[in-house]
Amino acid sequence: MMTRRLLQLFTGLAMYGISLALFIRAGLGLDPWDVFHQGVAARTGVSIGVVVIIVSFLVLLLWIPLKQWPGFGTLCNAVLVGVFADVGLALIPVFSHLGGQIAMLGGAVVLNAIASACYIGARFGPGARDGLMTGLARRSGWSVRTSRTLIEVVVLAAGWLLGGSVGVGTVVYALAIGPMVQLLLPRFMVPARVAAPEAAADVAADTQPADPSGEAKTPVTAT
């Protein structure tokens, strides 16, 4: 079981980083956090992968007042997504033809959904940004929808002002990623082994993807 979980975690994080590179090479717009990452990278001259890593650890600092604690997967996420994003950008060419850009965008969304289902299903803890969302919801009493919307509007606006790419890909991602991850998650979810119902509730709150409205879904355990 542990071998499967580790393999699923690392495979998912690698695919997530590659999907980010595909989004960038498609040139049709990024998801809100990656608009911000791209904007910071453009202003600083640092690679976007390095920016992803730095921002991940800065976001983890915001977990402290929320009394949110990272898991093994959280720390792996903070490092490996950025590493594989830079690897992907080094290997994937730029497409200037619209048909190629659309195909690349579609591939990026699908790969991102599979990657998300893999690393969430491994149950090693949420990513830094997802944990910020669930931690803020838990501490403030706001819904996950409100917390997610507030965070993503702020980072999207900041990223756009910094020069990040906002476009049709941003909208496609926002509409498609929730339903796709929810569809795929049962295929990748590792059965939870927790000692008490309270622990099970914490796992469910911290690992479930949000639908397009931002509401966390009820977990479905794979058989």
C-alpha atoms as a PDB file:
ATOM      1  CA  MET A   1       0.000   0.000   0.000  1.00  0.00           C
ATOM      2  CA  MET A   2       2.782   2.441   0.901  1.00  0.00           C
ATOM      3  CA  THR A   3       4.599   1.723  -2.371  1.00  0.00           C
ATOM      4  CA  ARG A   4       1.459   2.520  -4.322  1.00  0.00           C
ATOM      5  CA  ARG A   5       0.893   5.720  -2.392  1.00  0.00           C
ATOM      6  CA  LEU A   6       4.442   6.980  -2.903  1.00  0.00           C
ATOM      7  CA  LEU A   7       4.421   6.083  -6.599  1.00  0.00           C
ATOM      8  CA  GLN A   8       1.075   7.800  -7.035  1.00  0.00           C
ATOM      9  CA  LEU A   9       2.232  10.891  -5.153  1.00  0.00           C
ATOM     10  CA  PHE A  10       5.451  11.376  -7.113  1.00  0.00           C
ATOM     11  CA  THR A  11       3.845  10.544 -10.460  1.00  0.00           C
ATOM     12  CA  GLY A  12       1.028  12.992  -9.780  1.00  0.00           C
ATOM     13  CA  LEU A  13       3.370  15.814  -8.814  1.00  0.00           C
ATOM     14  CA  ALA A  14       5.563  15.226 -11.866  1.00  0.00           C
ATOM     15  CA  MET A  15       2.505  15.302 -14.144  1.00  0.00           C
ATOM     16  CA  TYR A  16       1.236  18.433 -12.422  1.00  0.00           C
ATOM     17  CA  GLY A  17       4.483  20.254 -13.150  1.00  0.00           C
ATOM     18  CA  ILE A  18       4.451  19.098 -16.778  1.00  0.00           C
ATOM     19  CA  SER A  19       0.824  20.241 -17.122  1.00  0.00           C
ATOM     20  CA  LEU A  20       1.879  23.715 -15.967  1.00  0.00           C
ATOM     21  CA  ALA A  21       4.530  23.772 -18.686  1.00  0.00           C
ATOM     22  CA  LEU A  22       1.887  22.734 -21.248  1.00  0.00           C
ATOM     23  CA  PHE A  23      -0.409  25.563 -20.130  1.00  0.00           C
ATOM     24  CA  ILE A  24       2.414  28.071 -20.544  1.00  0.00           C
ATOM     25  CA  ARG A  25       3.461  26.760 -23.958  1.00  0.00           C
ATOM     26  CA  ALA A  26      -0.168  26.810 -25.148  1.00  0.00           C
ATOM     27  CA  GLY A  27      -0.166  30.570 -24.531  1.00  0.00           C
ATOM     28  CA  LEU A  28      -3.928  30.791 -24.016  1.00  0.00           C
ATOM     29  CA  GLY A  29      -4.049  31.676 -20.328  1.00  0.00           C
ATOM     30  CA  LEU A  30      -3.254  30.028 -16.994  1.00  0.00           C
ATOM     31  CA  ASP A  31      -5.100  29.169 -13.813  1.00  0.00           C
ATOM     32  CA  PRO A  32      -5.147  31.961 -11.168  1.00  0.00           C
ATOM     33  CA  TRP A  33      -2.160  30.804  -9.105  1.00  0.00           C
ATOM     34  CA  ASP A  34      -0.033  30.227 -12.193  1.00  0.00           C
ATOM     35  CA  VAL A  35      -0.981  33.647 -13.581  1.00  0.00           C
ATOM     36  CA  PHE A  36       0.556  34.967 -10.374  1.00  0.00           C
ATOM     37  CA  HIS A  37       3.620  32.704 -10.653  1.00  0.00           C
ATOM     38  CA  GLN A  38       4.171  33.746 -14.254  1.00  0.00           C
ATOM     39  CA  GLY A  39       3.798  37.426 -13.380  1.00  0.00           C
ATOM     40  CA  VAL A  40       6.367  37.184 -10.590  1.00  0.00           C
ATOM     41  CA  ALA A  41       8.732  35.254 -12.868  1.00  0.00           C
ATOM     42  CA  ALA A  42       8.391  37.906 -15.573  1.00  0.00           C
ATOM     43  CA  ARG A  43       9.187  40.703 -13.112  1.00  0.00           C
ATOM     44  CA  THR A  44      12.104  39.004 -11.384  1.00  0.00           C
ATOM     45  CA  GLY A  45      13.729  37.055 -14.202  1.00  0.00           C
ATOM     46  CA  VAL A  46      13.609  33.880 -12.096  1.00  0.00           C
ATOM     47  CA  SER A  47      12.289  30.708 -13.734  1.00  0.00           C
ATOM     48  CA  ILE A  48       8.632  29.981 -13.096  1.00  0.00           C
ATOM     49  CA  GLY A  49       9.526  26.679 -11.455  1.00  0.00           C
ATOM     50  CA  VAL A  50      11.669  28.447  -8.877  1.00  0.00           C
ATOM     51  CA  VAL A  51       8.867  30.964  -8.309  1.00  0.00           C
ATOM     52  CA  VAL A  52       6.400  28.101  -7.720  1.00  0.00           C
ATOM     53  CA  ILE A  53       8.733  26.627  -5.088  1.00  0.00           C
ATOM     54  CA  ILE A  54       9.350  29.955  -3.323  1.00  0.00           C
ATOM     55  CA  VAL A  55       5.664  30.885  -3.292  1.00  0.00           C
ATOM     56  CA  SER A  56       4.770  27.414  -1.964  1.00  0.00           C
ATOM     57  CA  PHE A  57       6.978  27.878   1.085  1.00  0.00           C
ATOM     58  CA  LEU A  58       5.753  31.449   1.615  1.00  0.00           C
ATOM     59  CA  VAL A  59       2.170  30.154   1.544  1.00  0.00           C
ATOM     60  CA  LEU A  60       3.128  27.499   4.101  1.00  0.00           C
ATOM     61  CA  LEU A  61       4.113  30.329   6.446  1.00  0.00           C
ATOM     62  CA  LEU A  62       0.494  31.486   6.264  1.00  0.00           C
ATOM     63  CA  TRP A  63      -0.530  28.085   7.605  1.00  0.00           C
ATOM     64  CA  ILE A  64       1.007  28.934  10.985  1.00  0.00           C
ATOM     65  CA  PRO A  65      -1.700  31.372  12.198  1.00  0.00           C
ATOM     66  CA  LEU A  66      -4.313  29.018  10.721  1.00  0.00           C
ATOM     67  CA  LYS A  67      -2.907  26.154  12.846  1.00  0.00           C
ATOM     68  CA  GLN A  68      -2.570  24.071   9.715  1.00  0.00           C
ATOM     69  CA  TRP A  69       0.274  21.531   9.557  1.00  0.00           C
ATOM     70  CA  PRO A  70       1.903  20.190   6.383  1.00  0.00           C
ATOM     71  CA  GLY A  71       2.116  16.527   5.550  1.00  0.00           C
ATOM     72  CA  PHE A  72       4.829  14.695   3.665  1.00  0.00           C
ATOM     73  CA  GLY A  73       2.933  15.238   0.412  1.00  0.00           C
ATOM     74  CA  THR A  74       2.630  18.954   1.134  1.00  0.00           C
ATOM     75  CA  LEU A  75       6.398  19.355   1.274  1.00  0.00           C
ATOM     76  CA  CYS A  76       6.949  17.178  -1.792  1.00  0.00           C
ATOM     77  CA  ASN A  77       4.346  19.245  -3.637  1.00  0.00           C
ATOM     78  CA  ALA A  78       6.109  22.476  -2.671  1.00  0.00           C
ATOM     79  CA  VAL A  79       9.333  21.337  -4.334  1.00  0.00           C
ATOM     80  CA  LEU A  80       8.547  18.871  -7.110  1.00  0.00           C
ATOM     81  CA  VAL A  81       5.849  20.754  -9.026  1.00  0.00           C
ATOM     82  CA  GLY A  82       8.249  23.629  -9.639  1.00  0.00           C
ATOM     83  CA  VAL A  83      11.092  21.314 -10.592  1.00  0.00           C
ATOM     84  CA  PHE A  84       9.013  19.456 -13.170  1.00  0.00           C
ATOM     85  CA  ALA A  85       7.494  22.693 -14.493  1.00  0.00           C
ATOM     86  CA  ASP A  86      10.989  23.862 -15.429  1.00  0.00           C
ATOM     87  CA  VAL A  87      11.838  20.438 -16.885  1.00  0.00           C
ATOM     88  CA  GLY A  88       8.694  20.577 -18.999  1.00  0.00           C
ATOM     89  CA  LEU A  89       9.451  24.080 -20.244  1.00  0.00           C
ATOM     90  CA  ALA A  90      12.924  22.936 -21.277  1.00  0.00           C
ATOM     91  CA  LEU A  91      11.499  20.039 -23.310  1.00  0.00           C
ATOM     92  CA  ILE A  92       8.184  21.302 -24.724  1.00  0.00           C
ATOM     93  CA  PRO A  93       8.365  23.630 -27.747  1.00  0.00           C
ATOM     94  CA  VAL A  94       6.323  26.800 -28.222  1.00  0.00           C
ATOM     95  CA  PHE A  95       3.337  26.424 -30.565  1.00  0.00           C
ATOM     96  CA  SER A  96       2.393  29.421 -32.676  1.00  0.00           C
ATOM     97  CA  HIS A  97      -0.382  27.655 -34.634  1.00  0.00           C
ATOM     98  CA  LEU A  98      -3.809  28.059 -33.011  1.00  0.00           C
ATOM     99  CA  GLY A  99      -4.749  24.426 -33.576  1.00  0.00           C
ATOM    100  CA  GLY A 100      -1.620  23.260 -31.778  1.00  0.00           C
ATOM    101  CA  GLN A 101      -2.237  25.721 -28.960  1.00  0.00           C
ATOM    102  CA  ILE A 102      -5.802  24.475 -28.460  1.00  0.00           C
ATOM    103  CA  ALA A 103      -4.654  20.839 -28.481  1.00  0.00           C
ATOM    104  CA  MET A 104      -1.942  21.659 -25.965  1.00  0.00           C
ATOM    105  CA  LEU A 105      -4.425  23.474 -23.729  1.00  0.00           C
ATOM    106  CA  GLY A 106      -6.774  20.483 -23.796  1.00  0.00           C
ATOM    107  CA  GLY A 107      -3.913  18.138 -22.970  1.00  0.00           C
ATOM    108  CA  ALA A 108      -2.819  20.395 -20.131  1.00  0.00           C
ATOM    109  CA  VAL A 109      -6.284  20.391 -18.533  1.00  0.00           C
ATOM    110  CA  VAL A 110      -6.628  16.603 -18.794  1.00  0.00           C
ATOM    111  CA  LEU A 111      -3.111  15.958 -17.471  1.00  0.00           C
ATOM    112  CA  ASN A 112      -3.659  18.423 -14.630  1.00  0.00           C
ATOM    113  CA  ALA A 113      -6.869  16.650 -13.615  1.00  0.00           C
ATOM    114  CA  ILE A 114      -5.196  13.229 -13.630  1.00  0.00           C
ATOM    115  CA  ALA A 115      -2.241  14.631 -11.695  1.00  0.00           C
ATOM    116  CA  SER A 116      -4.525  16.222  -9.094  1.00  0.00           C
ATOM    117  CA  ALA A 117      -6.470  12.986  -8.611  1.00  0.00           C
ATOM    118  CA  CYS A 118      -3.182  11.080  -8.217  1.00  0.00           C
ATOM    119  CA  TYR A 119      -1.583  13.222  -5.548  1.00  0.00           C
ATOM    120  CA  ILE A 120      -4.830  13.945  -3.675  1.00  0.00           C
ATOM    121  CA  GLY A 121      -5.755  10.255  -3.750  1.00  0.00           C
ATOM    122  CA  ALA A 122      -2.379   9.293  -2.274  1.00  0.00           C
ATOM    123  CA  ARG A 123      -3.490  10.937   1.008  1.00  0.00           C
ATOM    124  CA  PHE A 124      -0.170  12.468   2.015  1.00  0.00           C
ATOM    125  CA  GLY A 125      -1.607  15.908   2.733  1.00  0.00           C
ATOM    126  CA  PRO A 126      -2.891  18.815   0.629  1.00  0.00           C
ATOM    127  CA  GLY A 127      -0.761  21.162  -1.430  1.00  0.00           C
ATOM    128  CA  ALA A 128       0.241  24.468   0.140  1.00  0.00           C
ATOM    129  CA  ARG A 129      -2.412  26.434  -1.744  1.00  0.00           C
ATOM    130  CA  ASP A 130      -5.233  23.943  -1.123  1.00  0.00           C
ATOM    131  CA  GLY A 131      -4.317  23.823   2.551  1.00  0.00           C
ATOM    132  CA  LEU A 132      -4.469  27.609   2.736  1.00  0.00           C
ATOM    133  CA  MET A 133      -8.001  27.460   1.339  1.00  0.00           C
ATOM    134  CA  THR A 134      -9.250  24.753   3.715  1.00  0.00           C
ATOM    135  CA  GLY A 135      -7.408  26.248   6.680  1.00  0.00           C
ATOM    136  CA  LEU A 136      -8.905  29.680   6.064  1.00  0.00           C
ATOM    137  CA  ALA A 137     -12.366  28.158   5.776  1.00  0.00           C
ATOM    138  CA  ARG A 138     -11.913  26.211   9.014  1.00  0.00           C
ATOM    139  CA  ARG A 139     -10.566  29.122  11.053  1.00  0.00           C
ATOM    140  CA  SER A 140     -12.836  31.859   9.679  1.00  0.00           C
ATOM    141  CA  GLY A 141     -16.074  29.924   9.482  1.00  0.00           C
ATOM    142  CA  TRP A 142     -16.414  30.880   5.817  1.00  0.00           C
ATOM    143  CA  SER A 143     -17.435  28.301   3.266  1.00  0.00           C
ATOM    144  CA  VAL A 144     -14.786  26.647   1.107  1.00  0.00           C
ATOM    145  CA  ARG A 145     -16.424  28.448  -1.825  1.00  0.00           C
ATOM    146  CA  THR A 146     -15.895  31.857  -0.227  1.00  0.00           C
ATOM    147  CA  SER A 147     -12.332  31.100   0.854  1.00  0.00           C
ATOM    148  CA  ARG A 148     -11.346  29.736  -2.539  1.00  0.00           C
ATOM    149  CA  THR A 149     -12.962  32.606  -4.434  1.00  0.00           C
ATOM    150  CA  LEU A 150     -11.327  35.256  -2.245  1.00  0.00           C
ATOM    151  CA  ILE A 151      -7.858  33.734  -2.534  1.00  0.00           C
ATOM    152  CA  GLU A 152      -8.042  33.103  -6.271  1.00  0.00           C
ATOM    153  CA  VAL A 153      -9.444  36.543  -7.106  1.00  0.00           C
ATOM    154  CA  VAL A 154      -6.594  38.161  -5.155  1.00  0.00           C
ATOM    155  CA  VAL A 155      -3.826  36.087  -6.774  1.00  0.00           C
ATOM    156  CA  LEU A 156      -5.387  36.369 -10.246  1.00  0.00           C
ATOM    157  CA  ALA A 157      -5.589  40.149  -9.999  1.00  0.00           C
ATOM    158  CA  ALA A 158      -2.049  40.398  -8.644  1.00  0.00           C
ATOM    159  CA  GLY A 159      -0.730  38.081 -11.343  1.00  0.00           C
ATOM    160  CA  TRP A 160      -2.485  39.997 -14.115  1.00  0.00           C
ATOM    161  CA  LEU A 161      -1.066  43.288 -12.843  1.00  0.00           C
ATOM    162  CA  LEU A 162       2.385  41.706 -12.835  1.00  0.00           C
ATOM    163  CA  GLY A 163       1.994  40.598 -16.450  1.00  0.00           C
ATOM    164  CA  GLY A 164       0.735  37.031 -16.069  1.00  0.00           C
ATOM    165  CA  SER A 165      -1.265  35.442 -18.885  1.00  0.00           C
ATOM    166  CA  VAL A 166      -5.063  35.575 -18.500  1.00  0.00           C
ATOM    167  CA  GLY A 167      -7.156  34.192 -21.332  1.00  0.00           C
ATOM    168  CA  VAL A 168      -9.535  31.518 -22.510  1.00  0.00           C
ATOM    169  CA  GLY A 169      -7.380  28.886 -20.816  1.00  0.00           C
ATOM    170  CA  THR A 170      -8.086  30.550 -17.467  1.00  0.00           C
ATOM    171  CA  VAL A 171     -11.824  30.149 -18.020  1.00  0.00           C
ATOM    172  CA  VAL A 172     -11.537  26.593 -19.395  1.00  0.00           C
ATOM    173  CA  TYR A 173      -9.496  25.542 -16.370  1.00  0.00           C
ATOM    174  CA  ALA A 174     -11.926  27.125 -13.906  1.00  0.00           C
ATOM    175  CA  LEU A 175     -14.927  25.380 -15.471  1.00  0.00           C
ATOM    176  CA  ALA A 176     -13.389  21.986 -16.222  1.00  0.00           C
ATOM    177  CA  ILE A 177     -10.941  21.081 -13.465  1.00  0.00           C
ATOM    178  CA  GLY A 178     -13.420  20.531 -10.611  1.00  0.00           C
ATOM    179  CA  PRO A 179     -15.738  18.108 -12.440  1.00  0.00           C
ATOM    180  CA  MET A 180     -12.801  16.271 -14.028  1.00  0.00           C
ATOM    181  CA  VAL A 181     -10.950  15.722 -10.747  1.00  0.00           C
ATOM    182  CA  GLN A 182     -14.185  14.631  -9.070  1.00  0.00           C
ATOM    183  CA  LEU A 183     -14.752  12.096 -11.847  1.00  0.00           C
ATOM    184  CA  LEU A 184     -11.197  10.737 -11.678  1.00  0.00           C
ATOM    185  CA  LEU A 185     -10.648  10.772  -7.930  1.00  0.00           C
ATOM    186  CA  PRO A 186     -12.449   7.490  -7.115  1.00  0.00           C
ATOM    187  CA  ARG A 187     -10.052   5.674  -9.449  1.00  0.00           C
ATOM    188  CA  PHE A 188      -7.010   6.941  -7.561  1.00  0.00           C
ATOM    189  CA  MET A 189      -8.210   7.313  -3.977  1.00  0.00           C
ATOM    190  CA  VAL A 190      -6.248   5.110  -1.596  1.00  0.00           C
ATOM    191  CA  PRO A 191      -8.505   3.758   1.200  1.00  0.00           C
ATOM    192  CA  ALA A 192      -8.061   5.808   4.357  1.00  0.00           C
ATOM    193  CA  ARG A 193      -6.673   4.121   7.452  1.00  0.00           C
ATOM    194  CA  VAL A 194      -7.488   6.405  10.335  1.00  0.00           C
ATOM    195  CA  ALA A 195      -8.004   5.607  13.975  1.00  0.00           C
ATOM    196  CA  ALA A 196     -11.087   7.718  14.675  1.00  0.00           C
ATOM    197  CA  PRO A 197     -14.015   9.348  12.857  1.00  0.00           C
ATOM    198  CA  GLU A 198     -12.546  12.764  13.673  1.00  0.00           C
ATOM    199  CA  ALA A 199      -9.345  11.894  11.842  1.00  0.00           C
ATOM    200  CA  ALA A 200     -11.335  10.714   8.860  1.00  0.00           C
ATOM    201  CA  ALA A 201     -13.170  14.021   8.789  1.00  0.00           C
ATOM    202  CA  ASP A 202      -9.873  15.933   8.781  1.00  0.00           C
ATOM    203  CA  VAL A 203      -8.558  13.857   5.875  1.00  0.00           C
ATOM    204  CA  ALA A 204     -11.734  14.465   3.899  1.00  0.00           C
ATOM    205  CA  ALA A 205     -11.679  18.217   4.539  1.00  0.00           C
ATOM    206  CA  ASP A 206      -8.060  18.635   3.516  1.00  0.00           C
ATOM    207  CA  THR A 207      -7.878  16.374   0.468  1.00  0.00           C
ATOM    208  CA  GLN A 208     -11.079  16.831  -1.503  1.00  0.00           C
ATOM    209  CA  PRO A 209     -11.041  18.928  -4.674  1.00  0.00           C
ATOM    210  CA  ALA A 210     -13.537  21.720  -5.126  1.00  0.00           C
ATOM    211  CA  ASP A 211     -16.148  21.820  -7.829  1.00  0.00           C
ATOM    212  CA  PRO A 212     -16.407  24.945 -10.053  1.00  0.00           C
ATOM    213  CA  SER A 213     -18.430  26.678  -7.362  1.00  0.00           C
ATOM    214  CA  GLY A 214     -15.670  25.996  -4.852  1.00  0.00           C
ATOM    215  CA  GLU A 215     -17.572  23.565  -2.638  1.00  0.00           C
ATOM    216  CA  ALA A 216     -15.682  20.521  -1.410  1.00  0.00           C
ATOM    217  CA  LYS A 217     -17.179  17.212  -2.469  1.00  0.00           C
ATOM    218  CA  THR A 218     -17.926  14.155  -0.369  1.00  0.00           C
ATOM    219  CA  PRO A 219     -15.033  11.696  -0.620  1.00  0.00           C
ATOM    220  CA  VAL A 220     -15.472   8.497  -2.593  1.00  0.00           C
ATOM    221  CA  THR A 221     -13.168   5.659  -1.639  1.00  0.00           C
ATOM    222  CA  ALA A 222     -11.808   3.372  -4.326  1.00  0.00           C
ATOM    223  CA  THR A 223     -12.289  -0.333  -3.836  1.00  0.00           C
END
